[in-house]
Amino acid sequence: MVGLERSVLPLVGKQDFGLRSTATILAFVVAFGAAKALANLASGELAERIGRKRLLVIGWALALPVAPLIALAPSWWFIVAANILLGANQGLAWSMTVVMKIDLAGPRRRGLALGLNEAAGYLGVAAAAFASGALAAGHAPRTVVWVGAAGIGVVGLLLSLVVRDTGAHVAHEQAVHADGSSRSSGLRAVFVGASARDPMLRACSQAGLVNNLNDALAWGLAPLYLALHGASVRQIAVVAAAYPVVWGAGQLATGWLSDHTGRKPLISSGMLVQAGALALLVVGNGGFVPSLVAAVLLGAGTAMVYPTLIAAVSDASRPRDRARTVGVYRFWRDFGFVLGALIAGFGADATSPRTAIVIVAALTATSGVVVAATSWRLRPNFEPAPAS
């Protein structure tokens, strides 16, 4: 669903609703990011209370109203409301797919499992971004989005019904965990630890936030920036799809690589690659070829960072606290959508899209340096429970 929006929804704001303010257009990204961040934060606590599978099903049920809201929207604010539901869907459903993969894989193969999970998701985003952009060249862009969203919502809900819960795997891992404690920490304690007290988790949280800050820029501002420089809808679709294609496919290797080389080098260097990609987007002045190269580099940098950060957070978490800790990390990471959309929107309106991109590039480079300067713990050595 996110992929359907990436190449065409900002253009829908201009064409269907006559919007001129970049900040107003990017309100849908702010709504999505805020809803997803809060859903991520709640997902860990809810997973412990009602179970991972039930929360997965609830997450996909929330996606069903998205298509009719987009289809029948009489104003842009209905699109914004649809993205609140989409953010809640992503925060609950994708959080559970991540946590359940972590439960099943164990520390030694955690990076590989998360790489596979994120690769599948973002290759889907890429395919949807390209398809929606290509179809929008000959059909009404809003129709393309809502028809695709309806199909994806139904299929996602049906698939979630046949998934098995992973609670037994968590209990097995906790039983042999080094500290021997079976009590889980409260959400407040986990939030403080992951946000400020634990240096490794703090570094991961800020890197995740900045990563999605520049992703919000790529999602919301980049299509408008390219259109401003004369790019066609098809060219915008190619650039919008290239980024998640490289991101998705790259995670097949980077998740596995982080299991063998360590998490920290991939995270810090990946953030610097992202910063370089954004700098190239500025230097290229919106030209198609440099923008395409920038999208490829941005995807490569994000592939280095995305699954590795979640694996690092899981390494630093007790099994009983895992869902909460991952939820807190994902809260900060997806709050980056909110900050990114605000910086991109108001920055572009107050100065220019070029200046907004420069600001985000500088923040991304700084984040990579922060990770490089942070001490890192070794991950535990543990084999997961066999499937029953």
Protein backbone atom coordinates (compact mmCIF):
# COMPACT_ATOMS: atom_id res chain seq x y z
CA MET A 1 0.00 0.00 0.00
CA VAL A 2 2.83 2.39 0.83
CA GLY A 3 4.36 1.65 -2.57
CA LEU A 4 1.13 2.62 -4.34
CA GLU A 5 1.38 6.08 -2.79
CA ARG A 6 5.09 6.72 -3.29
CA SER A 7 5.10 7.87 -6.88
CA VAL A 8 1.62 9.35 -7.35
CA LEU A 9 -0.06 10.55 -4.15
CA PRO A 10 1.82 13.90 -3.95
CA LEU A 11 0.78 14.46 -7.57
CA VAL A 12 -2.85 13.66 -6.65
CA GLY A 13 -2.69 16.50 -4.13
CA LYS A 14 -1.71 18.92 -6.88
CA GLN A 15 -3.90 17.61 -9.70
CA ASP A 16 -7.10 16.44 -7.97
CA PHE A 17 -7.27 18.90 -5.09
CA GLY A 18 -5.38 21.89 -6.47
CA LEU A 19 -2.94 22.10 -3.54
CA ARG A 20 0.02 24.46 -3.85
CA SER A 21 1.64 24.31 -0.41
CA THR A 22 4.24 21.55 -0.11
CA ALA A 23 3.62 21.41 3.65
CA THR A 24 -0.10 20.77 3.09
CA ILE A 25 0.59 18.06 0.52
CA LEU A 26 3.03 16.35 2.89
CA ALA A 27 0.43 16.33 5.69
CA PHE A 28 -0.39 12.77 4.60
CA VAL A 29 3.18 11.70 5.42
CA VAL A 30 2.97 13.40 8.83
CA ALA A 31 -0.33 11.60 9.54
CA PHE A 32 1.08 8.27 8.39
CA GLY A 33 4.27 8.65 10.41
CA ALA A 34 2.55 9.77 13.61
CA ALA A 35 0.00 6.95 13.47
CA LYS A 36 2.63 4.35 12.66
CA ALA A 37 4.99 5.57 15.39
CA LEU A 38 2.27 5.42 18.05
CA ALA A 39 1.06 2.02 16.81
CA ASN A 40 4.64 0.74 16.99
CA LEU A 41 4.91 1.94 20.58
CA ALA A 42 1.64 0.25 21.54
CA SER A 43 2.37 -2.94 19.61
CA GLY A 44 4.91 -4.32 22.07
CA GLU A 45 2.58 -3.99 25.06
CA LEU A 46 -0.41 -5.29 23.10
CA ALA A 47 1.57 -8.25 21.77
CA GLU A 48 2.32 -9.35 25.33
CA ARG A 49 -1.33 -8.96 26.33
CA ILE A 50 -3.26 -10.45 23.40
CA GLY A 51 -0.62 -12.33 21.40
CA ARG A 52 1.33 -11.64 18.24
CA LYS A 53 -1.05 -13.27 15.74
CA ARG A 54 -4.17 -11.51 17.02
CA LEU A 55 -2.42 -8.17 16.75
CA LEU A 56 -1.31 -9.03 13.21
CA VAL A 57 -4.93 -9.71 12.22
CA ILE A 58 -6.13 -6.48 13.86
CA GLY A 59 -3.46 -4.55 11.97
CA TRP A 60 -4.63 -5.86 8.62
CA ALA A 61 -8.29 -5.23 9.49
CA LEU A 62 -7.42 -1.55 9.96
CA ALA A 63 -6.21 -1.44 6.34
CA LEU A 64 -9.62 -2.26 4.86
CA PRO A 65 -11.16 1.27 5.09
CA VAL A 66 -8.13 2.89 3.40
CA ALA A 67 -9.30 2.21 -0.17
CA PRO A 68 -12.87 3.59 0.18
CA LEU A 69 -11.58 6.69 1.99
CA ILE A 70 -9.20 7.46 -0.88
CA ALA A 71 -11.79 6.62 -3.55
CA LEU A 72 -14.57 8.78 -2.09
CA ALA A 73 -12.46 11.61 -0.64
CA PRO A 74 -14.13 15.00 -1.25
CA SER A 75 -11.10 16.81 0.18
CA TRP A 76 -7.40 16.22 0.81
CA TRP A 77 -8.06 15.72 4.52
CA PHE A 78 -9.88 12.46 3.77
CA ILE A 79 -6.64 11.28 2.16
CA VAL A 80 -4.83 12.32 5.33
CA ALA A 81 -7.35 10.34 7.42
CA ALA A 82 -6.80 7.28 5.21
CA ASN A 83 -3.09 7.55 5.92
CA ILE A 84 -3.74 7.56 9.67
CA LEU A 85 -5.34 4.13 9.23
CA LEU A 86 -2.55 3.04 6.91
CA GLY A 87 0.02 4.08 9.51
CA ALA A 88 -1.81 2.11 12.22
CA ASN A 89 -1.94 -0.89 9.89
CA GLN A 90 1.79 -0.69 9.24
CA GLY A 91 2.64 -0.11 12.89
CA LEU A 92 0.72 -3.15 14.12
CA ALA A 93 0.97 -5.60 11.22
CA TRP A 94 4.57 -5.01 10.15
CA SER A 95 5.75 -4.80 13.76
CA MET A 96 4.36 -8.27 14.35
CA THR A 97 5.95 -9.76 11.23
CA VAL A 98 9.28 -8.34 12.43
CA VAL A 99 8.92 -9.55 16.02
CA MET A 100 7.71 -13.00 14.95
CA LYS A 101 10.68 -13.40 12.59
CA ILE A 102 13.02 -12.46 15.45
CA ASP A 103 11.29 -15.01 17.70
CA LEU A 104 11.85 -17.76 15.15
CA ALA A 105 15.39 -17.01 14.01
CA GLY A 106 17.54 -16.68 17.13
CA PRO A 107 20.53 -14.30 17.47
CA ARG A 108 22.91 -16.05 15.08
CA ARG A 109 20.55 -15.80 12.10
CA ARG A 110 18.60 -12.73 13.18
CA GLY A 111 20.13 -10.42 10.59
CA LEU A 112 19.41 -12.88 7.77
CA ALA A 113 15.79 -13.34 8.88
CA LEU A 114 15.19 -9.62 9.14
CA GLY A 115 16.89 -9.05 5.81
CA LEU A 116 14.51 -11.52 4.18
CA ASN A 117 11.51 -9.92 5.89
CA GLU A 118 12.42 -6.36 4.94
CA ALA A 119 13.48 -7.40 1.43
CA ALA A 120 10.10 -8.98 0.78
CA GLY A 121 8.32 -5.89 2.07
CA TYR A 122 10.32 -3.31 0.17
CA LEU A 123 10.48 -5.25 -3.08
CA GLY A 124 6.69 -5.16 -2.82
CA VAL A 125 6.87 -1.40 -2.22
CA ALA A 126 9.08 -1.03 -5.29
CA ALA A 127 6.79 -3.09 -7.51
CA ALA A 128 3.76 -1.13 -6.37
CA ALA A 129 5.54 2.23 -6.80
CA PHE A 130 6.54 1.41 -10.36
CA ALA A 131 3.16 -0.10 -11.28
CA SER A 132 1.17 2.80 -9.85
CA GLY A 133 3.36 5.35 -11.62
CA ALA A 134 3.16 3.50 -14.93
CA LEU A 135 -0.62 3.06 -14.68
CA ALA A 136 -1.11 6.67 -13.60
CA ALA A 137 0.35 7.80 -16.93
CA GLY A 138 -2.78 6.45 -18.64
CA HIS A 139 -5.39 6.32 -15.87
CA ALA A 140 -6.61 8.55 -13.06
CA PRO A 141 -3.87 8.40 -10.39
CA ARG A 142 -6.36 8.27 -7.50
CA THR A 143 -8.17 5.31 -9.06
CA VAL A 144 -4.90 3.41 -9.38
CA VAL A 145 -4.18 3.94 -5.67
CA TRP A 146 -7.56 2.94 -4.24
CA VAL A 147 -8.09 -0.12 -6.45
CA GLY A 148 -4.63 -1.43 -5.56
CA ALA A 149 -5.13 -0.65 -1.86
CA ALA A 150 -8.41 -2.58 -1.78
CA GLY A 151 -6.82 -5.71 -3.23
CA ILE A 152 -3.77 -5.58 -0.98
CA GLY A 153 -5.87 -5.04 2.15
CA VAL A 154 -8.06 -8.09 1.51
CA VAL A 155 -5.12 -10.37 0.64
CA GLY A 156 -3.12 -9.22 3.67
CA LEU A 157 -6.00 -9.91 6.05
CA LEU A 158 -6.62 -13.39 4.61
CA LEU A 159 -2.94 -14.33 4.85
CA SER A 160 -2.70 -13.11 8.45
CA LEU A 161 -5.46 -15.53 9.45
CA VAL A 162 -3.32 -18.59 8.61
CA VAL A 163 -0.13 -17.44 10.41
CA ARG A 164 0.89 -19.33 13.58
CA ASP A 165 1.75 -17.50 16.80
CA THR A 166 5.35 -17.60 18.07
CA GLY A 167 4.74 -17.25 21.81
CA ALA A 168 6.16 -20.73 22.52
CA HIS A 169 9.47 -19.78 20.93
CA VAL A 170 9.76 -16.74 23.19
CA ALA A 171 9.10 -18.86 26.28
CA HIS A 172 11.80 -21.35 25.24
CA GLU A 173 14.38 -18.64 24.60
CA GLN A 174 13.61 -16.90 27.89
CA ALA A 175 13.99 -20.19 29.78
CA VAL A 176 17.65 -20.47 28.74
CA HIS A 177 18.45 -16.75 28.69
CA ALA A 178 21.61 -15.82 30.56
CA ASP A 179 20.02 -13.65 33.27
CA GLY A 180 17.49 -16.32 34.20
CA SER A 181 14.77 -13.74 34.75
CA SER A 182 11.30 -14.41 33.41
CA ARG A 183 9.81 -11.08 34.45
CA SER A 184 9.36 -8.51 31.74
CA SER A 185 10.03 -4.82 32.25
CA GLY A 186 7.23 -2.27 32.02
CA LEU A 187 6.81 -0.13 28.94
CA ARG A 188 8.02 3.00 30.76
CA ALA A 189 11.30 1.35 31.80
CA VAL A 190 11.86 -0.06 28.32
CA PHE A 191 11.07 3.31 26.72
CA VAL A 192 13.59 5.16 28.90
CA GLY A 193 16.25 2.51 28.32
CA ALA A 194 15.84 2.37 24.55
CA SER A 195 15.49 6.14 24.17
CA ALA A 196 18.17 7.50 26.50
CA ARG A 197 19.74 5.26 29.14
CA ASP A 198 21.29 2.50 27.01
CA PRO A 199 23.96 3.98 24.66
CA MET A 200 23.63 1.26 22.02
CA LEU A 201 19.83 1.41 21.91
CA ARG A 202 19.94 5.22 21.98
CA ALA A 203 22.27 5.23 18.96
CA CYS A 204 20.00 2.80 17.12
CA SER A 205 16.90 4.87 17.88
CA GLN A 206 18.41 8.12 16.59
CA ALA A 207 19.75 6.39 13.48
CA GLY A 208 16.35 4.86 12.78
CA LEU A 209 14.69 8.25 13.20
CA VAL A 210 17.09 9.94 10.77
CA ASN A 211 16.83 7.06 8.29
CA ASN A 212 13.08 7.52 8.02
CA LEU A 213 13.49 11.28 8.07
CA ASN A 214 15.27 11.04 4.72
CA ASP A 215 12.81 8.36 3.56
CA ALA A 216 9.97 10.83 4.16
CA LEU A 217 11.82 13.29 1.96
CA ALA A 218 12.22 10.66 -0.77
CA TRP A 219 8.55 9.75 -0.50
CA GLY A 220 6.93 13.16 -0.28
CA LEU A 221 9.33 15.78 -1.66
CA ALA A 222 11.35 13.94 -4.30
CA PRO A 223 8.41 13.45 -6.75
CA LEU A 224 7.58 17.16 -6.47
CA TYR A 225 11.26 18.12 -6.82
CA LEU A 226 11.60 16.04 -10.00
CA ALA A 227 8.33 17.36 -11.43
CA LEU A 228 9.56 20.90 -10.74
CA HIS A 229 12.57 20.14 -12.95
CA GLY A 230 10.46 18.78 -15.81
CA ALA A 231 10.43 15.03 -15.14
CA SER A 232 7.52 13.06 -16.61
CA VAL A 233 5.24 10.83 -14.52
CA ARG A 234 6.99 7.75 -15.93
CA GLN A 235 10.44 9.11 -15.05
CA ILE A 236 9.26 9.91 -11.53
CA ALA A 237 7.89 6.35 -11.26
CA VAL A 238 11.24 4.87 -12.33
CA VAL A 239 13.15 6.92 -9.75
CA ALA A 240 10.55 6.22 -7.05
CA ALA A 241 10.75 2.48 -7.75
CA ALA A 242 14.55 2.26 -8.07
CA TYR A 243 15.06 3.34 -4.47
CA PRO A 244 12.98 0.55 -2.82
CA VAL A 245 14.13 -2.03 -5.42
CA VAL A 246 17.76 -1.60 -4.38
CA TRP A 247 16.71 -1.22 -0.75
CA GLY A 248 14.66 -4.42 -0.84
CA ALA A 249 17.05 -6.59 -2.83
CA GLY A 250 20.09 -5.31 -0.95
CA GLN A 251 18.68 -6.45 2.38
CA LEU A 252 18.93 -10.06 1.23
CA ALA A 253 22.70 -9.63 1.55
CA THR A 254 23.12 -6.98 4.23
CA GLY A 255 21.04 -8.73 6.88
CA TRP A 256 23.14 -11.88 6.46
CA LEU A 257 26.34 -9.83 6.30
CA SER A 258 25.59 -8.16 9.63
CA ASP A 259 25.46 -11.60 11.28
CA HIS A 260 29.08 -12.15 10.24
CA THR A 261 30.76 -8.72 10.22
CA GLY A 262 28.82 -7.04 13.03
CA ARG A 263 26.02 -4.48 13.05
CA LYS A 264 27.85 -1.23 13.75
CA PRO A 265 30.02 -0.93 10.56
CA LEU A 266 27.03 -1.45 8.27
CA ILE A 267 24.87 1.05 10.15
CA SER A 268 27.40 3.89 10.32
CA SER A 269 28.63 3.49 6.74
CA GLY A 270 25.08 3.07 5.44
CA MET A 271 24.03 6.40 6.92
CA LEU A 272 26.98 8.10 5.20
CA VAL A 273 26.04 6.50 1.87
CA GLN A 274 22.51 7.87 2.28
CA ALA A 275 23.89 11.35 2.96
CA GLY A 276 26.00 11.14 -0.20
CA ALA A 277 22.96 10.09 -2.23
CA LEU A 278 20.97 13.11 -1.06
CA ALA A 279 23.91 15.37 -1.87
CA LEU A 280 23.97 13.93 -5.41
CA LEU A 281 20.25 14.64 -5.77
CA VAL A 282 21.01 18.30 -5.06
CA VAL A 283 24.10 18.48 -7.30
CA GLY A 284 22.19 16.81 -10.14
CA ASN A 285 19.57 19.61 -10.15
CA GLY A 286 16.69 17.19 -10.60
CA GLY A 287 18.05 15.64 -13.81
CA PHE A 288 16.72 12.15 -14.52
CA VAL A 289 20.06 10.28 -14.69
CA PRO A 290 21.68 11.79 -11.56
CA SER A 291 18.37 11.40 -9.71
CA LEU A 292 18.23 7.73 -10.70
CA VAL A 293 21.82 7.20 -9.51
CA ALA A 294 20.97 9.01 -6.27
CA ALA A 295 17.94 6.74 -5.79
CA VAL A 296 20.12 3.64 -6.27
CA LEU A 297 22.68 4.92 -3.74
CA LEU A 298 19.95 5.89 -1.28
CA GLY A 299 18.50 2.40 -1.60
CA ALA A 300 21.92 0.81 -1.05
CA GLY A 301 22.57 2.89 2.06
CA THR A 302 19.13 2.13 3.46
CA ALA A 303 19.62 -1.59 2.78
CA MET A 304 22.80 -1.47 4.87
CA VAL A 305 20.98 0.21 7.75
CA TYR A 306 17.38 -1.01 7.88
CA PRO A 307 17.49 -4.71 8.87
CA THR A 308 20.76 -4.23 10.73
CA LEU A 309 19.27 -1.68 13.12
CA ILE A 310 16.39 -3.96 14.10
CA ALA A 311 18.81 -6.86 14.56
CA ALA A 312 21.03 -4.68 16.77
CA VAL A 313 18.05 -3.63 18.88
CA SER A 314 17.06 -7.28 19.26
CA ASP A 315 20.62 -8.18 20.28
CA ALA A 316 20.39 -5.69 23.14
CA SER A 317 16.95 -6.87 24.33
CA ARG A 318 15.85 -9.59 26.74
CA PRO A 319 13.44 -12.07 25.09
CA ARG A 320 10.54 -11.07 27.37
CA ASP A 321 11.13 -7.39 26.61
CA ARG A 322 11.79 -7.86 22.91
CA ALA A 323 8.39 -6.85 21.57
CA ARG A 324 8.37 -3.71 23.74
CA THR A 325 11.96 -2.76 22.90
CA VAL A 326 11.44 -3.24 19.17
CA GLY A 327 8.21 -1.25 19.49
CA VAL A 328 10.04 1.66 21.14
CA TYR A 329 12.77 1.59 18.49
CA ARG A 330 10.18 1.51 15.73
CA PHE A 331 8.33 4.39 17.42
CA TRP A 332 11.41 6.60 17.13
CA ARG A 333 12.26 5.30 13.68
CA ASP A 334 8.82 6.07 12.25
CA PHE A 335 8.58 9.37 14.09
CA GLY A 336 11.24 10.25 11.53
CA PHE A 337 8.44 10.33 8.94
CA VAL A 338 6.82 13.15 10.91
CA LEU A 339 10.01 15.19 11.30
CA GLY A 340 11.08 14.51 7.72
CA ALA A 341 7.77 15.63 6.27
CA LEU A 342 7.78 18.76 8.42
CA ILE A 343 11.36 19.66 7.47
CA ALA A 344 10.75 18.88 3.80
CA GLY A 345 7.38 20.64 3.66
CA PHE A 346 8.07 23.81 5.61
CA GLY A 347 11.69 23.96 4.44
CA ALA A 348 10.62 23.77 0.81
CA ASP A 349 7.90 26.39 1.31
CA ALA A 350 10.13 28.78 3.28
CA THR A 351 13.26 28.42 1.14
CA SER A 352 13.38 25.78 -1.60
CA PRO A 353 13.22 21.98 -2.03
CA ARG A 354 16.99 22.07 -2.63
CA THR A 355 17.65 23.61 0.80
CA ALA A 356 15.38 21.08 2.52
CA ILE A 357 17.32 18.22 0.90
CA VAL A 358 20.66 19.72 2.00
CA ILE A 359 19.44 19.96 5.61
CA VAL A 360 18.35 16.31 5.63
CA ALA A 361 21.64 15.19 4.05
CA ALA A 362 23.60 16.95 6.82
CA LEU A 363 21.47 15.36 9.54
CA THR A 364 21.97 11.92 7.96
CA ALA A 365 25.76 12.27 7.87
CA THR A 366 25.78 13.43 11.51
CA SER A 367 23.74 10.39 12.52
CA GLY A 368 26.28 8.05 10.93
CA VAL A 369 29.08 9.71 12.89
CA VAL A 370 27.11 9.31 16.14
CA VAL A 371 26.74 5.56 15.53
CA ALA A 372 30.45 5.23 14.73
CA ALA A 373 31.34 6.92 18.04
CA THR A 374 29.05 4.70 20.18
CA SER A 375 30.32 1.63 22.04
CA TRP A 376 28.67 -1.61 20.93
CA ARG A 377 27.82 -4.83 22.79
CA LEU A 378 28.37 -8.29 21.35
CA ARG A 379 25.21 -10.23 20.59
CA PRO A 380 24.36 -13.40 22.52
CA ASN A 381 24.92 -16.91 21.18
CA PHE A 382 21.67 -18.86 21.29
CA GLU A 383 19.86 -21.39 19.11
CA PRO A 384 16.10 -20.87 18.70
CA ALA A 385 13.55 -23.47 19.72
CA PRO A 386 12.79 -26.11 17.08
CA ALA A 387 9.45 -25.68 15.34
CA SER A 388 6.77 -27.88 16.86
